[in-house]
Amino acid sequence: MDLVALLPLLIILGAFMFFASRRQKKAMQATIDLHNSLKVGDRVHTTSGLQGVIRAINDDDVQLEIADGVVTTWMKLAVRDRIVPDDELDDDTVDAGEPGSTATEITDSTDHNRLN
């Protein structure tokens, strides 16, 4: 096979790898920034879906209060994201419905009279 025939394939493969690694680096940096910005009193989600309030932080672990008086220790890497209270949301992100709601109402557009 000619090297000229493989060149477009190699260029496409290289571009794909470049953009995939760039996206992964951005996601990793966002996670690192989140973990560095955590503070006591923040409400967070863990990767397993648990919600809790941070009561203590050290280099590798966070202590989450998951119920009144129930404090558990988690690896800091298990924290997925911070829960933002409704009063801190921008007006643009809140629908005219309930505060902080991101739900969308699904309506049936078929005419029920035609079906009967």
PDB file of N, CA and C in Angstrom:
ATOM      1  N   MET A   1       0.836  -1.187   0.000  1.00  0.00           N
ATOM      2  CA  MET A   1       0.000   0.000   0.000  1.00  0.00           C
ATOM      3  C   MET A   1       0.877   1.244   0.000  1.00  0.00           C
ATOM      4  N   ASP A   2       0.372   2.230  -0.637  1.00  0.00           N
ATOM      5  CA  ASP A   2       1.095   3.493  -0.673  1.00  0.00           C
ATOM      6  C   ASP A   2       0.984   4.209   0.664  1.00  0.00           C
ATOM      7  N   LEU A   3       2.016   4.893   1.038  1.00  0.00           N
ATOM      8  CA  LEU A   3       2.002   5.715   2.239  1.00  0.00           C
ATOM      9  C   LEU A   3       1.032   6.882   2.078  1.00  0.00           C
ATOM     10  N   VAL A   4       0.845   7.323   0.855  1.00  0.00           N
ATOM     11  CA  VAL A   4      -0.076   8.426   0.572  1.00  0.00           C
ATOM     12  C   VAL A   4      -1.513   8.017   0.885  1.00  0.00           C
ATOM     13  N   ALA A   5      -1.853   6.768   0.686  1.00  0.00           N
ATOM     14  CA  ALA A   5      -3.205   6.288   0.968  1.00  0.00           C
ATOM     15  C   ALA A   5      -3.454   6.220   2.473  1.00  0.00           C
ATOM     16  N   LEU A   6      -2.431   5.963   3.263  1.00  0.00           N
ATOM     17  CA  LEU A   6      -2.584   5.871   4.716  1.00  0.00           C
ATOM     18  C   LEU A   6      -2.544   7.236   5.401  1.00  0.00           C
ATOM     19  N   LEU A   7      -2.000   8.221   4.747  1.00  0.00           N
ATOM     20  CA  LEU A   7      -1.821   9.532   5.353  1.00  0.00           C
ATOM     21  C   LEU A   7      -3.142  10.157   5.824  1.00  0.00           C
ATOM     22  N   PRO A   8      -4.215  10.185   5.025  1.00  0.00           N
ATOM     23  CA  PRO A   8      -5.480  10.756   5.532  1.00  0.00           C
ATOM     24  C   PRO A   8      -6.017  10.004   6.749  1.00  0.00           C
ATOM     25  N   LEU A   9      -5.877   8.681   6.739  1.00  0.00           N
ATOM     26  CA  LEU A   9      -6.332   7.892   7.876  1.00  0.00           C
ATOM     27  C   LEU A   9      -5.534   8.235   9.129  1.00  0.00           C
ATOM     28  N   LEU A  10      -4.235   8.379   9.002  1.00  0.00           N
ATOM     29  CA  LEU A  10      -3.391   8.723  10.145  1.00  0.00           C
ATOM     30  C   LEU A  10      -3.705  10.128  10.663  1.00  0.00           C
ATOM     31  N   ILE A  11      -3.988  11.062   9.768  1.00  0.00           N
ATOM     32  CA  ILE A  11      -4.335  12.424  10.178  1.00  0.00           C
ATOM     33  C   ILE A  11      -5.654  12.430  10.943  1.00  0.00           C
ATOM     34  N   ILE A  12      -6.648  11.705  10.452  1.00  0.00           N
ATOM     35  CA  ILE A  12      -7.948  11.630  11.129  1.00  0.00           C
ATOM     36  C   ILE A  12      -7.801  10.967  12.491  1.00  0.00           C
ATOM     37  N   LEU A  13      -7.042   9.893  12.559  1.00  0.00           N
ATOM     38  CA  LEU A  13      -6.819   9.199  13.822  1.00  0.00           C
ATOM     39  C   LEU A  13      -6.087  10.104  14.809  1.00  0.00           C
ATOM     40  N   GLY A  14      -5.088  10.827  14.352  1.00  0.00           N
ATOM     41  CA  GLY A  14      -4.356  11.744  15.222  1.00  0.00           C
ATOM     42  C   GLY A  14      -5.232  12.867  15.746  1.00  0.00           C
ATOM     43  N   ALA A  15      -6.087  13.423  14.888  1.00  0.00           N
ATOM     44  CA  ALA A  15      -6.994  14.492  15.309  1.00  0.00           C
ATOM     45  C   ALA A  15      -7.990  13.978  16.348  1.00  0.00           C
ATOM     46  N   PHE A  16      -8.516  12.782  16.131  1.00  0.00           N
ATOM     47  CA  PHE A  16      -9.443  12.195  17.090  1.00  0.00           C
ATOM     48  C   PHE A  16      -8.780  12.011  18.449  1.00  0.00           C
ATOM     49  N   MET A  17      -7.573  11.482  18.463  1.00  0.00           N
ATOM     50  CA  MET A  17      -6.860  11.261  19.722  1.00  0.00           C
ATOM     51  C   MET A  17      -6.562  12.598  20.415  1.00  0.00           C
ATOM     52  N   PHE A  18      -6.195  13.622  19.648  1.00  0.00           N
ATOM     53  CA  PHE A  18      -5.894  14.924  20.218  1.00  0.00           C
ATOM     54  C   PHE A  18      -7.118  15.515  20.910  1.00  0.00           C
ATOM     55  N   PHE A  19      -8.265  15.524  20.211  1.00  0.00           N
ATOM     56  CA  PHE A  19      -9.461  16.119  20.786  1.00  0.00           C
ATOM     57  C   PHE A  19     -10.017  15.295  21.943  1.00  0.00           C
ATOM     58  N   ALA A  20      -9.893  13.977  21.885  1.00  0.00           N
ATOM     59  CA  ALA A  20     -10.362  13.132  22.982  1.00  0.00           C
ATOM     60  C   ALA A  20      -9.524  13.367  24.239  1.00  0.00           C
ATOM     61  N   SER A  21      -8.220  13.482  24.081  1.00  0.00           N
ATOM     62  CA  SER A  21      -7.369  13.707  25.250  1.00  0.00           C
ATOM     63  C   SER A  21      -7.578  15.111  25.810  1.00  0.00           C
ATOM     64  N   ARG A  22      -7.849  16.073  24.953  1.00  0.00           N
ATOM     65  CA  ARG A  22      -8.112  17.436  25.411  1.00  0.00           C
ATOM     66  C   ARG A  22      -9.380  17.513  26.250  1.00  0.00           C
ATOM     67  N   ARG A  23     -10.427  16.836  25.793  1.00  0.00           N
ATOM     68  CA  ARG A  23     -11.688  16.810  26.534  1.00  0.00           C
ATOM     69  C   ARG A  23     -11.494  16.126  27.886  1.00  0.00           C
ATOM     70  N   GLN A  24     -10.725  15.036  27.910  1.00  0.00           N
ATOM     71  CA  GLN A  24     -10.473  14.319  29.154  1.00  0.00           C
ATOM     72  C   GLN A  24      -9.670  15.188  30.121  1.00  0.00           C
ATOM     73  N   LYS A  25      -8.702  15.940  29.628  1.00  0.00           N
ATOM     74  CA  LYS A  25      -7.913  16.816  30.490  1.00  0.00           C
ATOM     75  C   LYS A  25      -8.773  17.924  31.086  1.00  0.00           C
ATOM     76  N   LYS A  26      -9.704  18.467  30.307  1.00  0.00           N
ATOM     77  CA  LYS A  26     -10.600  19.506  30.818  1.00  0.00           C
ATOM     78  C   LYS A  26     -11.491  18.956  31.928  1.00  0.00           C
ATOM     79  N   ALA A  27     -12.016  17.756  31.726  1.00  0.00           N
ATOM     80  CA  ALA A  27     -12.874  17.146  32.740  1.00  0.00           C
ATOM     81  C   ALA A  27     -12.078  16.848  34.007  1.00  0.00           C
ATOM     82  N   MET A  28     -10.860  16.379  33.858  1.00  0.00           N
ATOM     83  CA  MET A  28     -10.021  16.076  35.004  1.00  0.00           C
ATOM     84  C   MET A  28      -9.680  17.352  35.768  1.00  0.00           C
ATOM     85  N   GLN A  29      -9.381  18.433  35.046  1.00  0.00           N
ATOM     86  CA  GLN A  29      -9.055  19.694  35.705  1.00  0.00           C
ATOM     87  C   GLN A  29     -10.268  20.253  36.440  1.00  0.00           C
ATOM     88  N   ALA A  30     -11.460  20.092  35.876  1.00  0.00           N
ATOM     89  CA  ALA A  30     -12.681  20.556  36.541  1.00  0.00           C
ATOM     90  C   ALA A  30     -12.900  19.792  37.850  1.00  0.00           C
ATOM     91  N   THR A  31     -12.621  18.487  37.849  1.00  0.00           N
ATOM     92  CA  THR A  31     -12.758  17.679  39.059  1.00  0.00           C
ATOM     93  C   THR A  31     -11.740  18.098  40.108  1.00  0.00           C
ATOM     94  N   ILE A  32     -10.504  18.340  39.686  1.00  0.00           N
ATOM     95  CA  ILE A  32      -9.464  18.784  40.613  1.00  0.00           C
ATOM     96  C   ILE A  32      -9.832  20.131  41.216  1.00  0.00           C
ATOM     97  N   ASP A  33     -10.330  21.048  40.386  1.00  0.00           N
ATOM     98  CA  ASP A  33     -10.739  22.365  40.875  1.00  0.00           C
ATOM     99  C   ASP A  33     -11.870  22.245  41.892  1.00  0.00           C
ATOM    100  N   LEU A  34     -12.824  21.351  41.632  1.00  0.00           N
ATOM    101  CA  LEU A  34     -13.922  21.132  42.574  1.00  0.00           C
ATOM    102  C   LEU A  34     -13.384  20.630  43.903  1.00  0.00           C
ATOM    103  N   HIS A  35     -12.521  19.633  43.875  1.00  0.00           N
ATOM    104  CA  HIS A  35     -11.992  19.055  45.115  1.00  0.00           C
ATOM    105  C   HIS A  35     -11.164  20.069  45.898  1.00  0.00           C
ATOM    106  N   ASN A  36     -10.455  20.947  45.204  1.00  0.00           N
ATOM    107  CA  ASN A  36      -9.665  21.967  45.894  1.00  0.00           C
ATOM    108  C   ASN A  36     -10.531  23.080  46.471  1.00  0.00           C
ATOM    109  N   SER A  37     -11.733  23.270  45.942  1.00  0.00           N
ATOM    110  CA  SER A  37     -12.594  24.362  46.412  1.00  0.00           C
ATOM    111  C   SER A  37     -13.594  23.923  47.475  1.00  0.00           C
ATOM    112  N   LEU A  38     -13.618  22.635  47.828  1.00  0.00           N
ATOM    113  CA  LEU A  38     -14.565  22.168  48.833  1.00  0.00           C
ATOM    114  C   LEU A  38     -14.250  22.794  50.183  1.00  0.00           C
ATOM    115  N   LYS A  39     -15.306  23.099  50.936  1.00  0.00           N
ATOM    116  CA  LYS A  39     -15.123  23.653  52.276  1.00  0.00           C
ATOM    117  C   LYS A  39     -16.195  23.092  53.194  1.00  0.00           C
ATOM    118  N   VAL A  40     -15.937  23.200  54.487  1.00  0.00           N
ATOM    119  CA  VAL A  40     -16.872  22.702  55.489  1.00  0.00           C
ATOM    120  C   VAL A  40     -18.196  23.445  55.334  1.00  0.00           C
ATOM    121  N   GLY A  41     -19.287  22.694  55.349  1.00  0.00           N
ATOM    122  CA  GLY A  41     -20.620  23.259  55.200  1.00  0.00           C
ATOM    123  C   GLY A  41     -21.199  23.101  53.804  1.00  0.00           C
ATOM    124  N   ASP A  42     -20.365  22.730  52.816  1.00  0.00           N
ATOM    125  CA  ASP A  42     -20.862  22.509  51.458  1.00  0.00           C
ATOM    126  C   ASP A  42     -21.721  21.252  51.421  1.00  0.00           C
ATOM    127  N   ARG A  43     -22.806  21.312  50.658  1.00  0.00           N
ATOM    128  CA  ARG A  43     -23.649  20.137  50.417  1.00  0.00           C
ATOM    129  C   ARG A  43     -23.186  19.526  49.103  1.00  0.00           C
ATOM    130  N   VAL A  44     -22.921  18.209  49.108  1.00  0.00           N
ATOM    131  CA  VAL A  44     -22.331  17.558  47.941  1.00  0.00           C
ATOM    132  C   VAL A  44     -23.043  16.256  47.607  1.00  0.00           C
ATOM    133  N   HIS A  45     -22.847  15.814  46.351  1.00  0.00           N
ATOM    134  CA  HIS A  45     -23.228  14.475  45.886  1.00  0.00           C
ATOM    135  C   HIS A  45     -21.962  13.641  45.818  1.00  0.00           C
ATOM    136  N   THR A  46     -22.057  12.370  46.142  1.00  0.00           N
ATOM    137  CA  THR A  46     -20.944  11.459  45.910  1.00  0.00           C
ATOM    138  C   THR A  46     -21.183  10.731  44.591  1.00  0.00           C
ATOM    139  N   THR A  47     -20.174  10.015  44.127  1.00  0.00           N
ATOM    140  CA  THR A  47     -20.314   9.270  42.874  1.00  0.00           C
ATOM    141  C   THR A  47     -21.337   8.154  42.992  1.00  0.00           C
ATOM    142  N   SER A  48     -21.637   7.731  44.218  1.00  0.00           N
ATOM    143  CA  SER A  48     -22.642   6.685  44.401  1.00  0.00           C
ATOM    144  C   SER A  48     -24.045   7.244  44.582  1.00  0.00           C
ATOM    145  N   GLY A  49     -24.180   8.581  44.562  1.00  0.00           N
ATOM    146  CA  GLY A  49     -25.494   9.197  44.641  1.00  0.00           C
ATOM    147  C   GLY A  49     -25.888   9.673  46.021  1.00  0.00           C
ATOM    148  N   LEU A  50     -25.038   9.492  47.005  1.00  0.00           N
ATOM    149  CA  LEU A  50     -25.335   9.925  48.366  1.00  0.00           C
ATOM    150  C   LEU A  50     -25.183  11.440  48.469  1.00  0.00           C
ATOM    151  N   GLN A  51     -26.086  12.065  49.213  1.00  0.00           N
ATOM    152  CA  GLN A  51     -25.985  13.501  49.465  1.00  0.00           C
ATOM    153  C   GLN A  51     -25.607  13.705  50.913  1.00  0.00           C
ATOM    154  N   GLY A  52     -24.768  14.690  51.168  1.00  0.00           N
ATOM    155  CA  GLY A  52     -24.371  14.973  52.541  1.00  0.00           C
ATOM    156  C   GLY A  52     -23.763  16.351  52.641  1.00  0.00           C
ATOM    157  N   VAL A  53     -23.532  16.764  53.887  1.00  0.00           N
ATOM    158  CA  VAL A  53     -22.915  18.059  54.176  1.00  0.00           C
ATOM    159  C   VAL A  53     -21.518  17.785  54.711  1.00  0.00           C
ATOM    160  N   ILE A  54     -20.539  18.494  54.175  1.00  0.00           N
ATOM    161  CA  ILE A  54     -19.154  18.293  54.604  1.00  0.00           C
ATOM    162  C   ILE A  54     -18.986  18.853  56.011  1.00  0.00           C
ATOM    163  N   ARG A  55     -18.485  18.021  56.932  1.00  0.00           N
ATOM    164  CA  ARG A  55     -18.231  18.429  58.310  1.00  0.00           C
ATOM    165  C   ARG A  55     -16.744  18.571  58.604  1.00  0.00           C
ATOM    166  N   ALA A  56     -15.880  17.883  57.827  1.00  0.00           N
ATOM    167  CA  ALA A  56     -14.432  18.002  58.005  1.00  0.00           C
ATOM    168  C   ALA A  56     -13.756  17.576  56.712  1.00  0.00           C
ATOM    169  N   ILE A  57     -12.587  18.173  56.451  1.00  0.00           N
ATOM    170  CA  ILE A  57     -11.824  17.849  55.245  1.00  0.00           C
ATOM    171  C   ILE A  57     -10.364  17.722  55.628  1.00  0.00           C
ATOM    172  N   ASN A  58      -9.690  16.685  55.095  1.00  0.00           N
ATOM    173  CA  ASN A  58      -8.233  16.640  55.160  1.00  0.00           C
ATOM    174  C   ASN A  58      -7.723  16.379  53.754  1.00  0.00           C
ATOM    175  N   ASP A  59      -6.462  16.009  53.599  1.00  0.00           N
ATOM    176  CA  ASP A  59      -5.871  15.886  52.266  1.00  0.00           C
ATOM    177  C   ASP A  59      -6.592  14.895  51.363  1.00  0.00           C
ATOM    178  N   ASP A  60      -6.947  13.729  51.898  1.00  0.00           N
ATOM    179  CA  ASP A  60      -7.514  12.669  51.067  1.00  0.00           C
ATOM    180  C   ASP A  60      -8.967  12.344  51.366  1.00  0.00           C
ATOM    181  N   ASP A  61      -9.487  12.745  52.531  1.00  0.00           N
ATOM    182  CA  ASP A  61     -10.820  12.334  52.966  1.00  0.00           C
ATOM    183  C   ASP A  61     -11.707  13.522  53.295  1.00  0.00           C
ATOM    184  N   VAL A  62     -13.012  13.284  53.206  1.00  0.00           N
ATOM    185  CA  VAL A  62     -14.006  14.233  53.694  1.00  0.00           C
ATOM    186  C   VAL A  62     -14.945  13.483  54.621  1.00  0.00           C
ATOM    187  N   GLN A  63     -15.434  14.157  55.633  1.00  0.00           N
ATOM    188  CA  GLN A  63     -16.432  13.572  56.515  1.00  0.00           C
ATOM    189  C   GLN A  63     -17.760  14.204  56.172  1.00  0.00           C
ATOM    190  N   LEU A  64     -18.712  13.361  55.772  1.00  0.00           N
ATOM    191  CA  LEU A  64     -20.033  13.827  55.353  1.00  0.00           C
ATOM    192  C   LEU A  64     -21.068  13.479  56.407  1.00  0.00           C
ATOM    193  N   GLU A  65     -21.875  14.473  56.754  1.00  0.00           N
ATOM    194  CA  GLU A  65     -23.011  14.228  57.632  1.00  0.00           C
ATOM    195  C   GLU A  65     -24.189  13.908  56.730  1.00  0.00           C
ATOM    196  N   ILE A  66     -24.659  12.657  56.783  1.00  0.00           N
ATOM    197  CA  ILE A  66     -25.720  12.207  55.890  1.00  0.00           C
ATOM    198  C   ILE A  66     -27.094  12.242  56.550  1.00  0.00           C
ATOM    199  N   ALA A  67     -27.113  12.366  57.868  1.00  0.00           N
ATOM    200  CA  ALA A  67     -28.341  12.538  58.642  1.00  0.00           C
ATOM    201  C   ALA A  67     -27.918  13.221  59.942  1.00  0.00           C
ATOM    202  N   ASP A  68     -28.874  13.688  60.714  1.00  0.00           N
ATOM    203  CA  ASP A  68     -28.536  14.366  61.964  1.00  0.00           C
ATOM    204  C   ASP A  68     -27.685  13.464  62.846  1.00  0.00           C
ATOM    205  N   GLY A  69     -26.450  13.871  63.077  1.00  0.00           N
ATOM    206  CA  GLY A  69     -25.545  13.125  63.954  1.00  0.00           C
ATOM    207  C   GLY A  69     -24.875  11.928  63.325  1.00  0.00           C
ATOM    208  N   VAL A  70     -25.134  11.641  62.055  1.00  0.00           N
ATOM    209  CA  VAL A  70     -24.518  10.496  61.375  1.00  0.00           C
ATOM    210  C   VAL A  70     -23.450  11.026  60.418  1.00  0.00           C
ATOM    211  N   VAL A  71     -22.178  10.830  60.779  1.00  0.00           N
ATOM    212  CA  VAL A  71     -21.064  11.327  59.987  1.00  0.00           C
ATOM    213  C   VAL A  71     -20.285  10.140  59.444  1.00  0.00           C
ATOM    214  N   THR A  72     -20.068  10.115  58.148  1.00  0.00           N
ATOM    215  CA  THR A  72     -19.317   9.035  57.503  1.00  0.00           C
ATOM    216  C   THR A  72     -18.087   9.622  56.824  1.00  0.00           C
ATOM    217  N   THR A  73     -17.056   8.799  56.676  1.00  0.00           N
ATOM    218  CA  THR A  73     -15.812   9.236  56.046  1.00  0.00           C
ATOM    219  C   THR A  73     -15.742   8.700  54.635  1.00  0.00           C
ATOM    220  N   TRP A  74     -15.426   9.587  53.682  1.00  0.00           N
ATOM    221  CA  TRP A  74     -15.352   9.240  52.265  1.00  0.00           C
ATOM    222  C   TRP A  74     -14.034   9.726  51.701  1.00  0.00           C
ATOM    223  N   MET A  75     -13.546   9.067  50.680  1.00  0.00           N
ATOM    224  CA  MET A  75     -12.409   9.583  49.939  1.00  0.00           C
ATOM    225  C   MET A  75     -12.853  10.859  49.226  1.00  0.00           C
ATOM    226  N   LYS A  76     -11.981  11.829  49.160  1.00  0.00           N
ATOM    227  CA  LYS A  76     -12.321  13.087  48.492  1.00  0.00           C
ATOM    228  C   LYS A  76     -12.653  12.840  47.018  1.00  0.00           C
ATOM    229  N   LEU A  77     -12.047  11.832  46.420  1.00  0.00           N
ATOM    230  CA  LEU A  77     -12.312  11.504  45.017  1.00  0.00           C
ATOM    231  C   LEU A  77     -13.742  11.025  44.788  1.00  0.00           C
ATOM    232  N   ALA A  78     -14.437  10.619  45.858  1.00  0.00           N
ATOM    233  CA  ALA A  78     -15.812  10.151  45.721  1.00  0.00           C
ATOM    234  C   ALA A  78     -16.806  11.303  45.584  1.00  0.00           C
ATOM    235  N   VAL A  79     -16.383  12.533  45.851  1.00  0.00           N
ATOM    236  CA  VAL A  79     -17.270  13.685  45.714  1.00  0.00           C
ATOM    237  C   VAL A  79     -17.399  14.013  44.238  1.00  0.00           C
ATOM    238  N   ARG A  80     -18.629  13.942  43.728  1.00  0.00           N
ATOM    239  CA  ARG A  80     -18.883  14.178  42.307  1.00  0.00           C
ATOM    240  C   ARG A  80     -19.145  15.642  42.007  1.00  0.00           C
ATOM    241  N   ASP A  81     -20.022  16.293  42.814  1.00  0.00           N
ATOM    242  CA  ASP A  81     -20.319  17.694  42.574  1.00  0.00           C
ATOM    243  C   ASP A  81     -20.914  18.339  43.815  1.00  0.00           C
ATOM    244  N   ARG A  82     -20.941  19.659  43.786  1.00  0.00           N
ATOM    245  CA  ARG A  82     -21.494  20.450  44.874  1.00  0.00           C
ATOM    246  C   ARG A  82     -22.951  20.745  44.541  1.00  0.00           C
ATOM    247  N   ILE A  83     -23.816  20.667  45.559  1.00  0.00           N
ATOM    248  CA  ILE A  83     -25.227  20.996  45.384  1.00  0.00           C
ATOM    249  C   ILE A  83     -25.380  22.484  45.652  1.00  0.00           C
ATOM    250  N   VAL A  84     -25.881  23.213  44.655  1.00  0.00           N
ATOM    251  CA  VAL A  84     -26.049  24.658  44.780  1.00  0.00           C
ATOM    252  C   VAL A  84     -27.459  24.926  45.297  1.00  0.00           C
ATOM    253  N   PRO A  85     -27.580  25.674  46.397  1.00  0.00           N
ATOM    254  CA  PRO A  85     -28.927  25.998  46.907  1.00  0.00           C
ATOM    255  C   PRO A  85     -29.713  26.807  45.890  1.00  0.00           C
ATOM    256  N   ASP A  86     -31.045  26.718  45.960  1.00  0.00           N
ATOM    257  CA  ASP A  86     -31.917  27.409  45.010  1.00  0.00           C
ATOM    258  C   ASP A  86     -31.711  28.921  45.020  1.00  0.00           C
ATOM    259  N   ASP A  87     -31.413  29.495  46.190  1.00  0.00           N
ATOM    260  CA  ASP A  87     -31.266  30.945  46.255  1.00  0.00           C
ATOM    261  C   ASP A  87     -29.975  31.440  45.607  1.00  0.00           C
ATOM    262  N   GLU A  88     -29.044  30.541  45.284  1.00  0.00           N
ATOM    263  CA  GLU A  88     -27.809  30.929  44.616  1.00  0.00           C
ATOM    264  C   GLU A  88     -27.875  30.758  43.105  1.00  0.00           C
ATOM    265  N   LEU A  89     -28.965  30.174  42.597  1.00  0.00           N
ATOM    266  CA  LEU A  89     -29.112  29.983  41.161  1.00  0.00           C
ATOM    267  C   LEU A  89     -29.399  31.315  40.490  1.00  0.00           C
ATOM    268  N   ASP A  90     -28.918  31.471  39.261  1.00  0.00           N
ATOM    269  CA  ASP A  90     -29.230  32.661  38.481  1.00  0.00           C
ATOM    270  C   ASP A  90     -30.689  32.627  38.069  1.00  0.00           C
ATOM    271  N   ASP A  91     -31.264  33.801  37.827  1.00  0.00           N
ATOM    272  CA  ASP A  91     -32.651  33.871  37.377  1.00  0.00           C
ATOM    273  C   ASP A  91     -32.835  33.201  36.027  1.00  0.00           C
ATOM    274  N   ASP A  92     -31.791  33.172  35.193  1.00  0.00           N
ATOM    275  CA  ASP A  92     -31.893  32.564  33.870  1.00  0.00           C
ATOM    276  C   ASP A  92     -32.027  31.052  33.943  1.00  0.00           C
ATOM    277  N   THR A  93     -31.520  30.439  35.018  1.00  0.00           N
ATOM    278  CA  THR A  93     -31.547  28.983  35.107  1.00  0.00           C
ATOM    279  C   THR A  93     -32.823  28.461  35.749  1.00  0.00           C
ATOM    280  N   VAL A  94     -33.644  29.339  36.289  1.00  0.00           N
ATOM    281  CA  VAL A  94     -34.864  28.912  36.961  1.00  0.00           C
ATOM    282  C   VAL A  94     -36.041  29.138  36.025  1.00  0.00           C
ATOM    283  N   ASP A  95     -36.838  28.078  35.803  1.00  0.00           N
ATOM    284  CA  ASP A  95     -38.029  28.191  34.975  1.00  0.00           C
ATOM    285  C   ASP A  95     -39.098  28.990  35.705  1.00  0.00           C
ATOM    286  N   ALA A  96     -40.157  29.307  34.997  1.00  0.00           N
ATOM    287  CA  ALA A  96     -41.268  30.031  35.598  1.00  0.00           C
ATOM    288  C   ALA A  96     -42.023  29.157  36.588  1.00  0.00           C
ATOM    289  N   GLY A  97     -41.764  27.866  36.582  1.00  0.00           N
ATOM    290  CA  GLY A  97     -42.436  26.943  37.491  1.00  0.00           C
ATOM    291  C   GLY A  97     -41.820  26.998  38.869  1.00  0.00           C
ATOM    292  N   GLU A  98     -41.549  25.842  39.453  1.00  0.00           N
ATOM    293  CA  GLU A  98     -41.000  25.774  40.791  1.00  0.00           C
ATOM    294  C   GLU A  98     -39.557  26.244  40.800  1.00  0.00           C
ATOM    295  N   PRO A  99     -39.115  26.887  41.889  1.00  0.00           N
ATOM    296  CA  PRO A  99     -37.725  27.345  41.963  1.00  0.00           C
ATOM    297  C   PRO A  99     -36.759  26.168  41.886  1.00  0.00           C
ATOM    298  N   GLY A 100     -35.747  26.302  41.050  1.00  0.00           N
ATOM    299  CA  GLY A 100     -34.725  25.275  40.943  1.00  0.00           C
ATOM    300  C   GLY A 100     -35.138  24.053  40.166  1.00  0.00           C
ATOM    301  N   SER A 101     -36.353  24.028  39.649  1.00  0.00           N
ATOM    302  CA  SER A 101     -36.832  22.868  38.925  1.00  0.00           C
ATOM    303  C   SER A 101     -36.270  22.855  37.507  1.00  0.00           C
ATOM    304  N   THR A 102     -35.765  21.704  37.098  1.00  0.00           N
ATOM    305  CA  THR A 102     -35.299  21.561  35.726  1.00  0.00           C
ATOM    306  C   THR A 102     -36.175  20.582  34.966  1.00  0.00           C
ATOM    307  N   ALA A 103     -37.315  20.237  35.561  1.00  0.00           N
ATOM    308  CA  ALA A 103     -38.218  19.284  34.937  1.00  0.00           C
ATOM    309  C   ALA A 103     -38.939  19.925  33.760  1.00  0.00           C
ATOM    310  N   THR A 104     -39.253  19.109  32.784  1.00  0.00           N
ATOM    311  CA  THR A 104     -39.994  19.560  31.621  1.00  0.00           C
ATOM    312  C   THR A 104     -41.296  18.795  31.559  1.00  0.00           C
ATOM    313  N   GLU A 105     -42.393  19.515  31.388  1.00  0.00           N
ATOM    314  CA  GLU A 105     -43.688  18.868  31.308  1.00  0.00           C
ATOM    315  C   GLU A 105     -43.873  18.304  29.911  1.00  0.00           C
ATOM    316  N   ILE A 106     -44.262  17.038  29.835  1.00  0.00           N
ATOM    317  CA  ILE A 106     -44.511  16.385  28.559  1.00  0.00           C
ATOM    318  C   ILE A 106     -46.014  16.331  28.369  1.00  0.00           C
ATOM    319  N   THR A 107     -46.477  16.902  27.281  1.00  0.00           N
ATOM    320  CA  THR A 107     -47.908  16.905  27.009  1.00  0.00           C
ATOM    321  C   THR A 107     -48.196  16.070  25.787  1.00  0.00           C
ATOM    322  N   ASP A 108     -49.362  15.475  25.772  1.00  0.00           N
ATOM    323  CA  ASP A 108     -49.782  14.653  24.658  1.00  0.00           C
ATOM    324  C   ASP A 108     -50.465  15.567  23.646  1.00  0.00           C
ATOM    325  N   SER A 109     -49.927  15.628  22.447  1.00  0.00           N
ATOM    326  CA  SER A 109     -50.464  16.550  21.447  1.00  0.00           C
ATOM    327  C   SER A 109     -51.537  15.904  20.574  1.00  0.00           C
ATOM    328  N   THR A 110     -51.870  14.644  20.807  1.00  0.00           N
ATOM    329  CA  THR A 110     -52.904  14.006  19.990  1.00  0.00           C
ATOM    330  C   THR A 110     -54.284  14.471  20.433  1.00  0.00           C
ATOM    331  N   ASP A 111     -55.207  14.516  19.509  1.00  0.00           N
ATOM    332  CA  ASP A 111     -56.572  14.923  19.799  1.00  0.00           C
ATOM    333  C   ASP A 111     -57.325  13.719  20.321  1.00  0.00           C
ATOM    334  N   HIS A 112     -57.717  13.752  21.592  1.00  0.00           N
ATOM    335  CA  HIS A 112     -58.381  12.600  22.217  1.00  0.00           C
ATOM    336  C   HIS A 112     -59.765  12.367  21.644  1.00  0.00           C
ATOM    337  N   ASN A 113     -60.404  13.392  21.097  1.00  0.00           N
ATOM    338  CA  ASN A 113     -61.731  13.224  20.527  1.00  0.00           C
ATOM    339  C   ASN A 113     -61.689  12.367  19.283  1.00  0.00           C
ATOM    340  N   ARG A 114     -60.599  12.410  18.530  1.00  0.00           N
ATOM    341  CA  ARG A 114     -60.498  11.591  17.325  1.00  0.00           C
ATOM    342  C   ARG A 114     -60.351  10.123  17.674  1.00  0.00           C
ATOM    343  N   LEU A 115     -59.786   9.836  18.828  1.00  0.00           N
ATOM    344  CA  LEU A 115     -59.545   8.437  19.196  1.00  0.00           C
ATOM    345  C   LEU A 115     -60.822   7.737  19.638  1.00  0.00           C
ATOM    346  N   ASN A 116     -61.803   8.481  20.095  1.00  0.00           N
ATOM    347  CA  ASN A 116     -63.043   7.864  20.587  1.00  0.00           C
ATOM    348  C   ASN A 116     -64.062   7.691  19.515  1.00  0.00           C
TER     349      ASN A 116
END
